[in-house]
Structures are given as structure tokens and as C-alpha cells.
Amino acid sequence: MEITDGGVGDAAVSVGTGLRGLADRVEALDGTLHVGDTPAGGTR
């Protein structure tokens, strides 16, 4: 699954609980969460 937004980018899994909680759930299903910036400046 891929999710993108049009924000300013620079999201980090290690900061806060939202993406960390999502990463925990994905890892519980033997998956991996990758977070990065899009060429347009959002987050993917």
C-alpha cells in the first residue's frame, strides 16, 4: 500500500506516536513501514 500527501514533507517515524503506532502495527503483521519525501514536497 502506498499513501502520499501534499504537505511539507519531513515526517519522521521516531517523532510523536502517530507514525510510530502505525509502524508497530505493520511490523506486527511482518511488514515494514517506509516513510520519505515525495518529489513534490509531500510525504510518501
PDB file of N, CA and C in Angstrom:
ATOM      1  N   MET A   1       0.857  -1.147   0.000  1.00  0.00           N
ATOM      2  CA  MET A   1       0.000   0.000   0.000  1.00  0.00           C
ATOM      3  C   MET A   1       0.916   1.225   0.000  1.00  0.00           C
ATOM      4  N   GLU A   2       0.528   2.249  -0.708  1.00  0.00           N
ATOM      5  CA  GLU A   2       1.281   3.497  -0.720  1.00  0.00           C
ATOM      6  C   GLU A   2       0.320   4.646  -0.440  1.00  0.00           C
ATOM      7  N   ILE A   3       0.738   5.519   0.470  1.00  0.00           N
ATOM      8  CA  ILE A   3      -0.062   6.695   0.826  1.00  0.00           C
ATOM      9  C   ILE A   3       0.825   7.915   0.677  1.00  0.00           C
ATOM     10  N   THR A   4       0.327   8.950   0.013  1.00  0.00           N
ATOM     11  CA  THR A   4       1.070  10.201  -0.120  1.00  0.00           C
ATOM     12  C   THR A   4       0.189  11.365   0.295  1.00  0.00           C
ATOM     13  N   ASP A   5       0.830  12.463   0.680  1.00  0.00           N
ATOM     14  CA  ASP A   5       0.085  13.684   0.962  1.00  0.00           C
ATOM     15  C   ASP A   5       0.798  14.858   0.299  1.00  0.00           C
ATOM     16  N   GLY A   6       0.186  15.998   0.316  1.00  0.00           N
ATOM     17  CA  GLY A   6       0.740  17.184  -0.319  1.00  0.00           C
ATOM     18  C   GLY A   6       1.298  18.175   0.676  1.00  0.00           C
ATOM     19  N   GLY A   7       1.660  17.706   1.858  1.00  0.00           N
ATOM     20  CA  GLY A   7       2.177  18.601   2.895  1.00  0.00           C
ATOM     21  C   GLY A   7       3.606  19.046   2.624  1.00  0.00           C
ATOM     22  N   VAL A   8       4.298  19.440   3.665  1.00  0.00           N
ATOM     23  CA  VAL A   8       5.657  19.963   3.525  1.00  0.00           C
ATOM     24  C   VAL A   8       6.711  18.861   3.576  1.00  0.00           C
ATOM     25  N   GLY A   9       6.329  17.619   3.864  1.00  0.00           N
ATOM     26  CA  GLY A   9       7.288  16.525   3.951  1.00  0.00           C
ATOM     27  C   GLY A   9       8.009  16.510   5.273  1.00  0.00           C
ATOM     28  N   ASP A  10       9.087  15.763   5.335  1.00  0.00           N
ATOM     29  CA  ASP A  10       9.949  15.697   6.504  1.00  0.00           C
ATOM     30  C   ASP A  10       9.302  14.990   7.701  1.00  0.00           C
ATOM     31  N   ALA A  11       8.372  14.067   7.433  1.00  0.00           N
ATOM     32  CA  ALA A  11       7.758  13.296   8.522  1.00  0.00           C
ATOM     33  C   ALA A  11       8.771  12.290   9.054  1.00  0.00           C
ATOM     34  N   ALA A  12       8.678  11.978  10.333  1.00  0.00           N
ATOM     35  CA  ALA A  12       9.617  11.035  10.949  1.00  0.00           C
ATOM     36  C   ALA A  12       8.870  10.050  11.833  1.00  0.00           C
ATOM     37  N   VAL A  13       9.171   8.773  11.678  1.00  0.00           N
ATOM     38  CA  VAL A  13       8.540   7.733  12.489  1.00  0.00           C
ATOM     39  C   VAL A  13       8.969   7.861  13.946  1.00  0.00           C
ATOM     40  N   SER A  14      10.182   8.327  14.178  1.00  0.00           N
ATOM     41  CA  SER A  14      10.722   8.368  15.546  1.00  0.00           C
ATOM     42  C   SER A  14      10.168   9.521  16.385  1.00  0.00           C
ATOM     43  N   VAL A  15       9.453  10.461  15.766  1.00  0.00           N
ATOM     44  CA  VAL A  15       8.919  11.619  16.486  1.00  0.00           C
ATOM     45  C   VAL A  15       7.412  11.435  16.668  1.00  0.00           C
ATOM     46  N   GLY A  16       6.926  11.626  17.876  1.00  0.00           N
ATOM     47  CA  GLY A  16       5.495  11.507  18.134  1.00  0.00           C
ATOM     48  C   GLY A  16       5.048  10.062  18.234  1.00  0.00           C
ATOM     49  N   THR A  17       3.733   9.843  18.197  1.00  0.00           N
ATOM     50  CA  THR A  17       3.202   8.491  18.345  1.00  0.00           C
ATOM     51  C   THR A  17       2.401   8.018  17.144  1.00  0.00           C
ATOM     52  N   GLY A  18       1.975   8.912  16.273  1.00  0.00           N
ATOM     53  CA  GLY A  18       1.119   8.523  15.145  1.00  0.00           C
ATOM     54  C   GLY A  18       1.781   7.548  14.191  1.00  0.00           C
ATOM     55  N   LEU A  19       2.889   7.944  13.575  1.00  0.00           N
ATOM     56  CA  LEU A  19       3.584   7.056  12.645  1.00  0.00           C
ATOM     57  C   LEU A  19       4.252   5.895  13.377  1.00  0.00           C
ATOM     58  N   ARG A  20       4.713   6.114  14.596  1.00  0.00           N
ATOM     59  CA  ARG A  20       5.321   5.019  15.368  1.00  0.00           C
ATOM     60  C   ARG A  20       4.275   3.946  15.645  1.00  0.00           C
ATOM     61  N   GLY A  21       3.073   4.343  16.011  1.00  0.00           N
ATOM     62  CA  GLY A  21       1.993   3.380  16.244  1.00  0.00           C
ATOM     63  C   GLY A  21       1.637   2.623  14.976  1.00  0.00           C
ATOM     64  N   LEU A  22       1.624   3.319  13.846  1.00  0.00           N
ATOM     65  CA  LEU A  22       1.351   2.670  12.567  1.00  0.00           C
ATOM     66  C   LEU A  22       2.460   1.680  12.238  1.00  0.00           C
ATOM     67  N   ALA A  23       3.717   2.069  12.464  1.00  0.00           N
ATOM     68  CA  ALA A  23       4.847   1.172  12.219  1.00  0.00           C
ATOM     69  C   ALA A  23       4.743  -0.076  13.098  1.00  0.00           C
ATOM     70  N   ASP A  24       4.354   0.081  14.347  1.00  0.00           N
ATOM     71  CA  ASP A  24       4.198  -1.061  15.247  1.00  0.00           C
ATOM     72  C   ASP A  24       3.157  -2.039  14.715  1.00  0.00           C
ATOM     73  N   ARG A  25       2.057  -1.518  14.210  1.00  0.00           N
ATOM     74  CA  ARG A  25       1.001  -2.390  13.686  1.00  0.00           C
ATOM     75  C   ARG A  25       1.462  -3.117  12.425  1.00  0.00           C
ATOM     76  N   VAL A  26       2.152  -2.401  11.542  1.00  0.00           N
ATOM     77  CA  VAL A  26       2.662  -3.017  10.315  1.00  0.00           C
ATOM     78  C   VAL A  26       3.677  -4.106  10.650  1.00  0.00           C
ATOM     79  N   GLU A  27       4.575  -3.833  11.583  1.00  0.00           N
ATOM     80  CA  GLU A  27       5.590  -4.810  11.984  1.00  0.00           C
ATOM     81  C   GLU A  27       4.964  -6.040  12.638  1.00  0.00           C
ATOM     82  N   ALA A  28       3.855  -5.859  13.338  1.00  0.00           N
ATOM     83  CA  ALA A  28       3.165  -6.994  13.957  1.00  0.00           C
ATOM     84  C   ALA A  28       2.638  -7.965  12.899  1.00  0.00           C
ATOM     85  N   LEU A  29       2.447  -7.467  11.679  1.00  0.00           N
ATOM     86  CA  LEU A  29       1.995  -8.306  10.566  1.00  0.00           C
ATOM     87  C   LEU A  29       3.152  -8.686   9.647  1.00  0.00           C
ATOM     88  N   ASP A  30       4.387  -8.595  10.179  1.00  0.00           N
ATOM     89  CA  ASP A  30       5.613  -8.914   9.437  1.00  0.00           C
ATOM     90  C   ASP A  30       5.838  -7.997   8.245  1.00  0.00           C
ATOM     91  N   GLY A  31       5.373  -6.762   8.336  1.00  0.00           N
ATOM     92  CA  GLY A  31       5.595  -5.786   7.275  1.00  0.00           C
ATOM     93  C   GLY A  31       6.633  -4.756   7.697  1.00  0.00           C
ATOM     94  N   THR A  32       6.891  -3.821   6.816  1.00  0.00           N
ATOM     95  CA  THR A  32       7.841  -2.753   7.066  1.00  0.00           C
ATOM     96  C   THR A  32       7.229  -1.434   6.616  1.00  0.00           C
ATOM     97  N   LEU A  33       7.364  -0.414   7.425  1.00  0.00           N
ATOM     98  CA  LEU A  33       6.876   0.918   7.080  1.00  0.00           C
ATOM     99  C   LEU A  33       8.058   1.758   6.626  1.00  0.00           C
ATOM    100  N   HIS A  34       7.955   2.328   5.430  1.00  0.00           N
ATOM    101  CA  HIS A  34       8.969   3.237   4.901  1.00  0.00           C
ATOM    102  C   HIS A  34       8.332   4.610   4.769  1.00  0.00           C
ATOM    103  N   VAL A  35       8.969   5.631   5.287  1.00  0.00           N
ATOM    104  CA  VAL A  35       8.459   6.997   5.212  1.00  0.00           C
ATOM    105  C   VAL A  35       9.515   7.855   4.528  1.00  0.00           C
ATOM    106  N   GLY A  36       9.104   8.625   3.539  1.00  0.00           N
ATOM    107  CA  GLY A  36      10.038   9.501   2.844  1.00  0.00           C
ATOM    108  C   GLY A  36       9.317  10.669   2.216  1.00  0.00           C
ATOM    109  N   ASP A  37      10.081  11.570   1.637  1.00  0.00           N
ATOM    110  CA  ASP A  37       9.522  12.745   0.981  1.00  0.00           C
ATOM    111  C   ASP A  37       9.225  12.435  -0.485  1.00  0.00           C
ATOM    112  N   THR A  38       8.217  13.101  -1.041  1.00  0.00           N
ATOM    113  CA  THR A  38       7.909  12.978  -2.454  1.00  0.00           C
ATOM    114  C   THR A  38       8.638  14.087  -3.221  1.00  0.00           C
ATOM    115  N   PRO A  39       8.812  13.928  -4.516  1.00  0.00           N
ATOM    116  CA  PRO A  39       9.458  14.987  -5.300  1.00  0.00           C
ATOM    117  C   PRO A  39       8.721  16.323  -5.216  1.00  0.00           C
ATOM    118  N   ALA A  40       7.400  16.276  -5.001  1.00  0.00           N
ATOM    119  CA  ALA A  40       6.596  17.496  -4.928  1.00  0.00           C
ATOM    120  C   ALA A  40       6.646  18.146  -3.544  1.00  0.00           C
ATOM    121  N   GLY A  41       7.291  17.501  -2.567  1.00  0.00           N
ATOM    122  CA  GLY A  41       7.418  18.091  -1.241  1.00  0.00           C
ATOM    123  C   GLY A  41       6.545  17.488  -0.176  1.00  0.00           C
ATOM    124  N   GLY A  42       5.680  16.562  -0.523  1.00  0.00           N
ATOM    125  CA  GLY A  42       4.839  15.920   0.488  1.00  0.00           C
ATOM    126  C   GLY A  42       5.551  14.734   1.122  1.00  0.00           C
ATOM    127  N   THR A  43       4.775  13.876   1.758  1.00  0.00           N
ATOM    128  CA  THR A  43       5.310  12.679   2.389  1.00  0.00           C
ATOM    129  C   THR A  43       4.727  11.460   1.724  1.00  0.00           C
ATOM    130  N   ARG A  44       5.547  10.433   1.542  1.00  0.00           N
ATOM    131  CA  ARG A  44       5.099   9.170   0.958  1.00  0.00           C
ATOM    132  C   ARG A  44       5.412   8.084   1.960  1.00  0.00           C
TER     133      ARG A  44
END
